[in-house]
Amino acid sequence: MTATDTRLDGSGAATANRSLVGRRVGHYRVLERLNQGGMGEIYLVEHDVIRTRAALKVLLPEIAASREAIDRFIVEARASSSIGSPHIPRCHDFGYLPDGRAYVLMELVEGESVAATLARSGALAIADIKTIVGQVADALAAAHERGIVHRDIKPEHVIVDHSSAGASVKVLDFGIAKVLPDSATRTQVGMFMGTPAYCAPEQVLGEQVGPAADIYALGATAYEMLTGRRPFNGEPASVLTLKLLSDPVPITELCPAVPRAVAATVQAMMARDPALRPPSMRAVASAVAAWPTEPAPPPAPTLVIRRRPWLIRGAIAAAAVIAVAVVASAARQGAAPAPEIVEVAVPPPTVDAAPPPPPLPPPVADAPVVAPPAPAVPTPPPPKRVRPPRRQPPSPPPRPAAGSADVLIVDPFQ
C-alpha cells in the first residue's frame, strides 16, 4: 500500500495520512507498520540492494516539533549505539523525513515481549525468569557503566527470541533514558517520568534518579514474572501512593514454590529506600546467576488446631458423664446385695403394758458375694419398712365420788 503525500503545517506536524508504508527512506523501502509507542511509530523496512531488514522508528507528528522530544530521540540513538551490549539493539542511521520528523534506523528485533507472554500464559518458569532477568541485568549494567539510566524498564520493553539456541533477550526503548550528567536530558526536580506500576519511589517523588531506579524496575518486572501479577494494582494515582507507603505482598506468600533465594533477591531489588537495594546491576546479575532453576519443595503439612471454648467445655462435660456412668456400673457389679427388709405385724397396744417390739433381724454380714447376672425383667422396688405405732401410757384409776369416806392417797414417787 502506498501512502498519500504528506504536507507540513506551520507547526511541522503532518496534516495528511502519516503512514509510511510503501514509501522509501534512503535505501530502504517501508514494508509494514509494526508498532506504536509513546514517542514514535516503528516500521519494518528492507534494503533495496542487499535485502537486509531493519526497524525504522519515526517520531509521532504530534511531538515532531518538540525540541525536547528530538533531544530524547537523539539520546536514544546514541545510547543504543554506544552501549555495545548484545542485549541492546544497535542504531545504524539517524535523519529527518521530508515532513520534518526525525527517524532512527536500527537493528530489527524479533520475538515476543514479556508482557505478551504474561498475558498469554501467566507466571513464567523459574529457569526462564533466570535467563531473562540475567540478560536484562547484563544489558543495564553495561548502560550504567556508560552513565546511561533507562528509567522505563517494564515487560513491554523486554523482547525474548526463542528461535535461536536458547532464549535471546533484548532491551528496547531508551526514549526517556537519562545520560549522567548530560544537561540535555536532565529531568526537572518534581517532574515524574516512567510507568507507575514499575517505576521506583524516588521517581514518583520527582527526585534525581540513578542506576538504583533501574534495579527497582527490573525487580518489579521479575516480581510479575514470578507471581503473574503486578506488585501493586489499581489506578495510577493509588499505585504511586501505595509504593511510597508500603511494600508488595511477599512473593513466597503468593507462590510458595518460588525458591527463597529468588524471592529474597527480587524483594531486595524492590526496597523503598535506594540505599537498601543491591549496590549495582552487576551485583544483581551475580545474584541471579546463583539462582536455582527448580521450584522449592512443598512445605511439610502442619496441623492447625483452632481453639473453640464451647467445644472444649462440651467435651469435658461428656467425658465426666461417661466416667460417672462407668464408675456406677462397676459399683453395681462388684458390691454386695442390699439387706432384705422384713415386714413384722405389730399387735394393737393394750391398756396395761404393751410388749416391747421384736428386735429387727441382724443385717447380713458384708461378705464377698458374686452377684448374679442382672435379670432381663427389672426388679420391683422393695417393700416399704413399717414402723410400729407408739405405745400409749395406761389410763389413771377412777376418782371416788364426792362425799365418800374412803380417801385414796397416791404416792407419786411410788
Protein backbone atom coordinates (compact mmCIF):
# COMPACT_ATOMS: atom_id res chain seq x y z
CA MET A 1 0.00 0.00 0.00
CA THR A 2 1.33 3.45 -0.93
CA ALA A 3 0.71 6.29 1.48
CA THR A 4 -0.57 9.65 0.34
CA ASP A 5 1.86 12.56 0.19
CA THR A 6 2.30 14.32 3.49
CA ARG A 7 2.33 18.07 3.86
CA LEU A 8 3.54 20.14 6.78
CA ASP A 9 1.56 22.77 8.55
CA GLY A 10 3.05 25.71 10.40
CA SER A 11 3.94 23.60 13.47
CA GLY A 12 5.80 20.95 11.50
CA ALA A 13 3.24 18.20 12.20
CA ALA A 14 1.83 16.12 9.38
CA THR A 15 -1.72 17.03 8.42
CA ALA A 16 -2.45 14.20 5.95
CA ASN A 17 -2.06 10.45 6.19
CA ARG A 18 1.14 9.91 8.14
CA SER A 19 1.63 6.22 7.26
CA LEU A 20 4.98 5.46 5.62
CA VAL A 21 4.06 2.03 4.25
CA GLY A 22 5.17 1.80 0.60
CA ARG A 23 7.47 4.82 0.77
CA ARG A 24 11.28 4.89 0.65
CA VAL A 25 13.59 6.18 3.32
CA GLY A 26 17.12 6.36 1.96
CA HIS A 27 17.96 2.96 0.50
CA TYR A 28 15.16 1.23 2.43
CA ARG A 29 11.61 0.51 1.40
CA VAL A 30 8.93 0.58 4.11
CA LEU A 31 7.07 -2.76 4.18
CA GLU A 32 4.68 -2.58 7.13
CA ARG A 33 3.91 -0.85 10.40
CA LEU A 34 4.94 -2.94 13.39
CA ASN A 35 4.07 -0.97 16.49
CA GLN A 36 3.49 2.43 18.03
CA GLY A 37 4.86 3.73 21.31
CA GLY A 38 4.54 6.89 23.33
CA MET A 39 7.01 8.82 21.19
CA GLY A 40 7.04 7.18 17.77
CA GLU A 41 5.99 4.53 15.29
CA ILE A 42 8.06 1.51 14.27
CA TYR A 43 8.10 0.16 10.72
CA LEU A 44 9.64 -2.86 9.05
CA VAL A 45 11.96 -1.80 6.20
CA GLU A 46 14.12 -3.66 3.67
CA HIS A 47 17.29 -2.56 1.85
CA ASP A 48 16.84 -2.13 -1.92
CA VAL A 49 20.01 -3.98 -2.88
CA ILE A 50 21.18 -6.40 -0.21
CA ARG A 51 17.66 -7.22 1.05
CA THR A 52 18.58 -6.92 4.71
CA ARG A 53 15.75 -5.91 7.00
CA ALA A 54 15.79 -3.35 9.77
CA ALA A 55 13.46 -1.36 12.01
CA LEU A 56 12.61 2.28 11.32
CA LYS A 57 11.47 4.33 14.32
CA VAL A 58 9.86 7.70 13.48
CA LEU A 59 8.69 10.43 15.85
CA LEU A 60 4.94 10.95 16.04
CA PRO A 61 3.69 14.05 14.21
CA GLU A 62 2.22 15.39 17.46
CA ILE A 63 5.67 15.78 19.02
CA ALA A 64 7.82 16.13 15.91
CA ALA A 65 8.33 19.87 16.51
CA SER A 66 9.21 19.46 20.20
CA ARG A 67 12.85 20.22 20.84
CA GLU A 68 12.81 18.07 23.97
CA ALA A 69 11.35 15.12 22.06
CA ILE A 70 14.01 15.43 19.37
CA ASP A 71 16.75 15.61 22.01
CA ARG A 72 15.48 12.46 23.68
CA PHE A 73 15.22 10.74 20.32
CA ILE A 74 18.87 11.56 19.67
CA VAL A 75 19.80 10.33 23.17
CA GLU A 76 18.12 7.01 22.46
CA ALA A 77 20.02 6.65 19.17
CA ARG A 78 23.32 7.48 20.83
CA ALA A 79 22.65 5.22 23.79
CA SER A 80 21.76 2.24 21.63
CA SER A 81 24.90 2.71 19.56
CA SER A 82 27.37 3.48 22.34
CA ILE A 83 26.49 0.80 24.93
CA GLY A 84 27.60 -2.07 22.73
CA SER A 85 25.69 -4.79 24.56
CA PRO A 86 24.38 -7.80 22.63
CA HIS A 87 21.13 -7.36 24.54
CA ILE A 88 20.51 -3.80 23.27
CA PRO A 89 19.62 -3.18 19.59
CA ARG A 90 22.21 -1.13 17.71
CA CYS A 91 21.39 2.04 15.81
CA HIS A 92 22.54 2.20 12.15
CA ASP A 93 21.41 5.64 10.98
CA PHE A 94 19.67 8.86 12.02
CA GLY A 95 17.96 11.51 9.89
CA TYR A 96 14.84 13.52 9.07
CA LEU A 97 11.94 12.72 6.74
CA PRO A 98 10.78 15.26 4.18
CA ASP A 99 7.92 16.20 6.54
CA GLY A 100 10.43 17.15 9.23
CA ARG A 101 10.06 14.14 11.51
CA ALA A 102 13.21 12.59 12.93
CA TYR A 103 13.84 8.89 12.41
CA VAL A 104 16.26 6.20 13.62
CA LEU A 105 17.21 3.15 11.59
CA MET A 106 18.06 0.33 14.00
CA GLU A 107 18.55 -3.39 14.33
CA LEU A 108 15.40 -5.44 13.77
CA VAL A 109 14.38 -7.34 16.91
CA GLU A 110 12.22 -10.42 16.51
CA GLY A 111 10.45 -12.30 19.26
CA GLU A 112 7.72 -11.73 21.82
CA SER A 113 7.58 -9.21 24.64
CA VAL A 114 7.44 -10.45 28.20
CA ALA A 115 4.16 -8.56 28.56
CA ALA A 116 2.59 -10.62 25.76
CA THR A 117 3.88 -13.85 27.32
CA LEU A 118 2.43 -12.93 30.71
CA ALA A 119 -0.92 -12.08 29.15
CA ARG A 120 -0.99 -15.43 27.35
CA SER A 121 0.32 -17.88 29.96
CA GLY A 122 0.63 -16.12 33.31
CA ALA A 123 3.66 -16.67 35.54
CA LEU A 124 6.83 -17.98 33.90
CA ALA A 125 9.04 -20.93 34.87
CA ILE A 126 11.95 -20.24 37.23
CA ALA A 127 14.52 -21.26 34.60
CA ASP A 128 13.07 -18.83 32.02
CA ILE A 129 12.92 -15.99 34.54
CA LYS A 130 16.55 -16.59 35.47
CA THR A 131 17.58 -16.32 31.81
CA ILE A 132 15.54 -13.17 31.14
CA VAL A 133 16.46 -11.27 34.30
CA GLY A 134 20.12 -12.23 33.95
CA GLN A 135 20.40 -10.91 30.38
CA VAL A 136 18.48 -7.71 31.16
CA ALA A 137 20.76 -7.13 34.15
CA ASP A 138 23.83 -7.56 31.91
CA ALA A 139 22.44 -5.04 29.41
CA LEU A 140 21.59 -2.47 32.07
CA ALA A 141 24.93 -2.96 33.80
CA ALA A 142 26.67 -2.06 30.51
CA ALA A 143 24.43 1.01 30.19
CA HIS A 144 25.10 2.14 33.76
CA GLU A 145 28.84 1.83 33.25
CA ARG A 146 28.49 4.36 30.42
CA GLY A 147 26.39 6.72 32.52
CA ILE A 148 23.02 5.82 30.98
CA VAL A 149 19.92 5.09 33.10
CA HIS A 150 16.98 3.56 31.22
CA ARG A 151 14.23 4.80 33.64
CA ASP A 152 11.42 2.79 31.98
CA ILE A 153 12.15 -0.93 32.37
CA LYS A 154 8.93 -2.95 32.14
CA PRO A 155 7.68 -6.18 30.49
CA GLU A 156 6.71 -4.33 27.30
CA HIS A 157 10.32 -3.26 26.74
CA VAL A 158 11.85 -6.73 27.14
CA ILE A 159 11.74 -8.90 23.99
CA VAL A 160 12.58 -12.62 24.09
CA ASP A 161 13.51 -14.51 20.94
CA HIS A 162 13.28 -18.30 21.24
CA SER A 163 14.11 -19.03 17.59
CA SER A 164 17.85 -19.50 18.19
CA ALA A 165 19.56 -21.94 20.53
CA GLY A 166 18.44 -20.72 23.92
CA ALA A 167 16.50 -17.54 24.63
CA SER A 168 17.93 -14.25 23.40
CA VAL A 169 16.78 -11.11 25.24
CA LYS A 170 16.74 -7.53 24.00
CA VAL A 171 16.03 -4.37 26.00
CA LEU A 172 14.17 -1.73 24.00
CA ASP A 173 13.14 1.90 24.20
CA PHE A 174 15.74 4.16 25.73
CA GLY A 175 13.40 7.03 24.84
CA ILE A 176 13.39 8.57 28.33
CA ALA A 177 16.89 7.41 29.20
CA LYS A 178 18.93 9.71 31.41
CA VAL A 179 22.56 10.36 30.49
CA LEU A 180 24.61 11.35 33.50
CA PRO A 181 25.38 14.23 33.78
CA ASP A 182 24.20 15.42 30.32
CA SER A 183 22.09 18.54 30.79
CA ALA A 184 20.21 17.88 27.56
CA THR A 185 18.27 15.05 29.22
CA ARG A 186 18.20 16.29 32.79
CA THR A 187 14.73 15.93 34.25
CA GLN A 188 13.50 18.84 36.31
CA VAL A 189 13.08 18.14 40.02
CA GLY A 190 9.41 17.43 40.76
CA MET A 191 8.71 16.04 37.27
CA PHE A 192 7.62 12.41 37.10
CA MET A 193 8.69 10.24 34.16
CA GLY A 194 8.15 6.49 33.98
CA THR A 195 5.45 3.84 34.24
CA PRO A 196 3.59 3.90 37.62
CA ALA A 197 3.45 0.11 38.07
CA TYR A 198 7.24 -0.36 37.72
CA CYS A 199 8.96 2.95 38.49
CA ALA A 200 10.96 3.48 41.67
CA PRO A 201 9.57 5.53 44.58
CA GLU A 202 12.18 8.25 44.03
CA GLN A 203 10.83 8.68 40.51
CA VAL A 204 7.34 9.16 41.95
CA LEU A 205 8.67 11.99 44.09
CA GLY A 206 10.37 13.58 41.11
CA GLU A 207 13.81 13.25 42.67
CA GLN A 208 17.05 12.80 40.78
CA VAL A 209 17.38 9.13 39.85
CA GLY A 210 20.32 6.87 39.21
CA PRO A 211 21.02 3.19 38.49
CA ALA A 212 19.03 2.19 41.60
CA ALA A 213 15.83 3.18 39.76
CA ASP A 214 16.52 0.58 37.06
CA ILE A 215 17.23 -2.02 39.77
CA TYR A 216 13.79 -1.36 41.28
CA ALA A 217 12.03 -1.52 37.90
CA LEU A 218 13.74 -4.79 36.99
CA GLY A 219 12.73 -6.18 40.38
CA ALA A 220 9.10 -5.19 39.75
CA THR A 221 9.26 -6.88 36.33
CA ALA A 222 10.72 -10.05 37.89
CA TYR A 223 8.02 -9.94 40.59
CA GLU A 224 5.33 -10.06 37.89
CA MET A 225 7.07 -12.88 36.04
CA LEU A 226 7.24 -14.93 39.27
CA THR A 227 3.70 -14.32 40.55
CA GLY A 228 1.72 -13.48 37.42
CA ARG A 229 0.57 -10.19 38.98
CA ARG A 230 1.98 -6.70 39.38
CA PRO A 231 3.43 -5.64 42.72
CA PHE A 232 0.69 -3.01 43.09
CA ASN A 233 -2.67 -2.90 41.31
CA GLY A 234 -5.19 -0.12 40.92
CA GLU A 235 -5.46 3.31 39.41
CA PRO A 236 -2.14 5.05 38.66
CA ALA A 237 -2.59 7.57 41.49
CA SER A 238 -3.32 4.86 44.06
CA VAL A 239 -0.41 2.73 42.81
CA LEU A 240 2.00 5.63 43.19
CA THR A 241 0.75 6.24 46.73
CA LEU A 242 0.95 2.56 47.72
CA LYS A 243 4.55 2.13 46.65
CA LEU A 244 5.53 5.16 48.73
CA LEU A 245 3.86 3.84 51.89
CA SER A 246 4.05 0.04 51.73
CA ASP A 247 5.86 -2.98 50.35
CA PRO A 248 4.29 -5.50 47.97
CA VAL A 249 2.96 -8.82 49.25
CA PRO A 250 5.89 -11.22 49.86
CA ILE A 251 6.47 -13.48 46.88
CA THR A 252 6.50 -16.71 48.91
CA GLU A 253 3.03 -15.94 50.28
CA LEU A 254 1.63 -15.76 46.75
CA CYS A 255 3.78 -18.56 45.28
CA PRO A 256 5.27 -20.92 47.90
CA ALA A 257 7.09 -22.84 45.13
CA VAL A 258 9.42 -19.89 44.43
CA PRO A 259 12.85 -20.62 45.96
CA ARG A 260 13.72 -18.40 48.89
CA ALA A 261 16.93 -17.19 47.27
CA VAL A 262 14.97 -15.96 44.24
CA ALA A 263 12.34 -14.22 46.35
CA ALA A 264 14.95 -12.60 48.59
CA THR A 265 16.85 -11.12 45.62
CA VAL A 266 13.73 -9.70 43.97
CA GLN A 267 12.35 -8.21 47.18
CA ALA A 268 15.72 -6.62 47.97
CA MET A 269 15.68 -5.02 44.50
CA MET A 270 12.28 -3.51 45.35
CA ALA A 271 13.30 -1.89 48.63
CA ARG A 272 11.72 1.53 49.01
CA ASP A 273 15.00 3.03 50.17
CA PRO A 274 17.52 3.06 47.29
CA ALA A 275 20.35 2.51 49.78
CA LEU A 276 18.87 -0.87 50.76
CA ARG A 277 18.83 -2.23 47.22
CA PRO A 278 21.74 -4.17 45.69
CA PRO A 279 24.69 -1.81 45.17
CA SER A 280 24.84 -2.24 41.39
CA MET A 281 23.31 -4.04 38.46
CA ARG A 282 26.42 -6.22 38.29
CA ALA A 283 25.65 -7.38 41.82
CA VAL A 284 22.13 -8.21 40.67
CA ALA A 285 23.49 -10.22 37.73
CA SER A 286 25.78 -12.18 40.08
CA ALA A 287 22.91 -12.96 42.45
CA VAL A 288 20.66 -14.07 39.59
CA ALA A 289 23.38 -16.35 38.22
CA ALA A 290 23.27 -18.26 41.53
CA TRP A 291 19.51 -18.79 41.44
CA PRO A 292 18.26 -22.38 41.47
CA THR A 293 16.20 -23.40 38.46
CA GLU A 294 13.94 -25.91 40.21
CA PRO A 295 10.89 -24.91 42.25
CA ALA A 296 11.14 -25.11 46.01
CA PRO A 297 9.77 -28.34 47.58
CA PRO A 298 6.30 -28.02 49.05
CA PRO A 299 6.26 -27.20 52.77
CA ALA A 300 5.55 -30.02 55.22
CA PRO A 301 1.88 -30.22 56.24
CA THR A 302 1.14 -28.68 59.60
CA LEU A 303 -1.72 -29.46 61.97
CA VAL A 304 -3.61 -26.33 62.82
CA ILE A 305 -5.73 -26.56 65.99
CA ARG A 306 -8.31 -23.88 66.35
CA ARG A 307 -9.43 -23.44 69.92
CA ARG A 308 -13.18 -23.34 70.39
CA PRO A 309 -14.05 -22.86 74.10
CA TRP A 310 -17.59 -24.15 73.74
CA LEU A 311 -16.36 -27.33 72.08
CA ILE A 312 -13.73 -27.91 74.78
CA ARG A 313 -16.27 -27.42 77.59
CA GLY A 314 -18.69 -29.79 75.89
CA ALA A 315 -16.02 -32.45 75.51
CA ILE A 316 -15.06 -32.16 79.20
CA ALA A 317 -18.70 -32.49 80.28
CA ALA A 318 -19.23 -35.52 78.07
CA ALA A 319 -16.08 -37.16 79.45
CA ALA A 320 -17.29 -36.53 83.02
CA VAL A 321 -20.71 -38.10 82.34
CA ILE A 322 -19.07 -41.16 80.79
CA ALA A 323 -16.70 -41.52 83.74
CA VAL A 324 -19.58 -41.35 86.27
CA ALA A 325 -21.52 -43.94 84.32
CA VAL A 326 -18.54 -46.30 84.21
CA VAL A 327 -17.94 -45.98 87.97
CA ALA A 328 -21.61 -46.57 88.78
CA SER A 329 -21.71 -49.65 86.56
CA ALA A 330 -18.62 -51.07 88.24
CA ALA A 331 -20.14 -50.44 91.70
CA ARG A 332 -23.32 -52.26 90.79
CA GLN A 333 -21.42 -55.31 89.56
CA GLY A 334 -18.88 -55.61 92.43
CA ALA A 335 -20.89 -54.59 95.60
CA ALA A 336 -22.88 -56.98 97.90
CA PRO A 337 -26.69 -57.12 97.55
CA ALA A 338 -28.63 -54.78 99.78
CA PRO A 339 -30.04 -56.28 103.06
CA GLU A 340 -33.58 -57.63 102.87
CA ILE A 341 -36.21 -55.71 104.86
CA VAL A 342 -38.79 -57.96 106.66
CA GLU A 343 -42.28 -56.77 107.43
CA VAL A 344 -43.37 -57.50 111.04
CA ALA A 345 -47.01 -57.48 112.18
CA VAL A 346 -47.36 -55.48 115.41
CA PRO A 347 -50.39 -56.30 117.70
CA PRO A 348 -52.51 -53.41 118.86
CA PRO A 349 -51.40 -52.00 122.25
CA THR A 350 -53.22 -52.97 125.48
CA VAL A 351 -54.12 -50.77 128.36
CA ASP A 352 -51.82 -52.43 130.91
CA ALA A 353 -48.47 -52.74 129.20
CA ALA A 354 -47.53 -53.26 125.63
CA PRO A 355 -44.84 -55.84 124.98
CA PRO A 356 -41.64 -54.47 123.54
CA PRO A 357 -41.36 -54.70 119.75
CA PRO A 358 -39.46 -57.68 118.50
CA PRO A 359 -35.84 -56.97 117.54
CA LEU A 360 -35.04 -56.44 113.87
CA PRO A 361 -33.20 -59.22 112.15
CA PRO A 362 -29.43 -58.68 112.14
CA PRO A 363 -28.02 -57.27 108.93
CA VAL A 364 -26.27 -59.60 106.57
CA ALA A 365 -22.52 -59.55 107.02
CA ASP A 366 -20.53 -57.82 104.26
CA ALA A 367 -19.13 -60.90 102.70
CA PRO A 368 -17.90 -61.04 99.14
CA VAL A 369 -20.73 -62.44 97.16
CA VAL A 370 -20.70 -62.95 93.46
CA ALA A 371 -23.67 -61.03 92.16
CA PRO A 372 -25.92 -62.98 89.85
CA PRO A 373 -26.40 -61.63 86.40
CA ALA A 374 -28.97 -58.93 86.16
CA PRO A 375 -32.38 -60.32 85.14
CA ALA A 376 -33.85 -59.26 81.88
CA VAL A 377 -37.03 -58.07 83.68
CA PRO A 378 -36.49 -55.10 86.01
CA THR A 379 -36.74 -55.97 89.72
CA PRO A 380 -39.73 -54.39 91.54
CA PRO A 381 -38.84 -51.97 94.33
CA PRO A 382 -38.52 -53.46 97.85
CA PRO A 383 -41.49 -53.06 100.25
CA LYS A 384 -41.51 -50.08 102.48
CA ARG A 385 -40.50 -50.53 106.11
CA VAL A 386 -43.48 -50.20 108.53
CA ARG A 387 -42.85 -48.70 111.97
CA PRO A 388 -44.96 -49.95 114.94
CA PRO A 389 -47.35 -47.43 116.49
CA ARG A 390 -46.12 -45.51 119.54
CA ARG A 391 -47.10 -47.13 122.93
CA GLN A 392 -49.79 -45.19 124.84
CA PRO A 393 -49.48 -44.67 128.65
CA PRO A 394 -52.08 -46.53 130.95
CA SER A 395 -55.27 -44.71 131.95
CA PRO A 396 -55.43 -43.36 135.60
CA PRO A 397 -57.80 -45.14 138.12
CA PRO A 398 -61.31 -43.71 138.57
CA ARG A 399 -61.66 -40.93 141.18
CA PRO A 400 -64.09 -41.70 144.19
CA ALA A 401 -67.37 -39.95 144.30
CA ALA A 402 -67.79 -36.78 146.28
CA GLY A 403 -68.67 -37.25 149.95
CA SER A 404 -67.20 -40.69 150.12
CA ALA A 405 -65.40 -41.55 153.40
CA ASP A 406 -62.77 -43.58 151.69
CA VAL A 407 -59.80 -41.49 150.71
CA LEU A 408 -57.19 -42.93 148.39
CA ILE A 409 -53.78 -41.40 148.70
CA VAL A 410 -51.45 -41.98 145.78
CA ASP A 411 -47.78 -41.60 146.28
CA PRO A 412 -46.41 -40.10 143.03
CA PHE A 413 -42.96 -41.38 143.78
CA GLN A 414 -44.09 -44.93 144.40
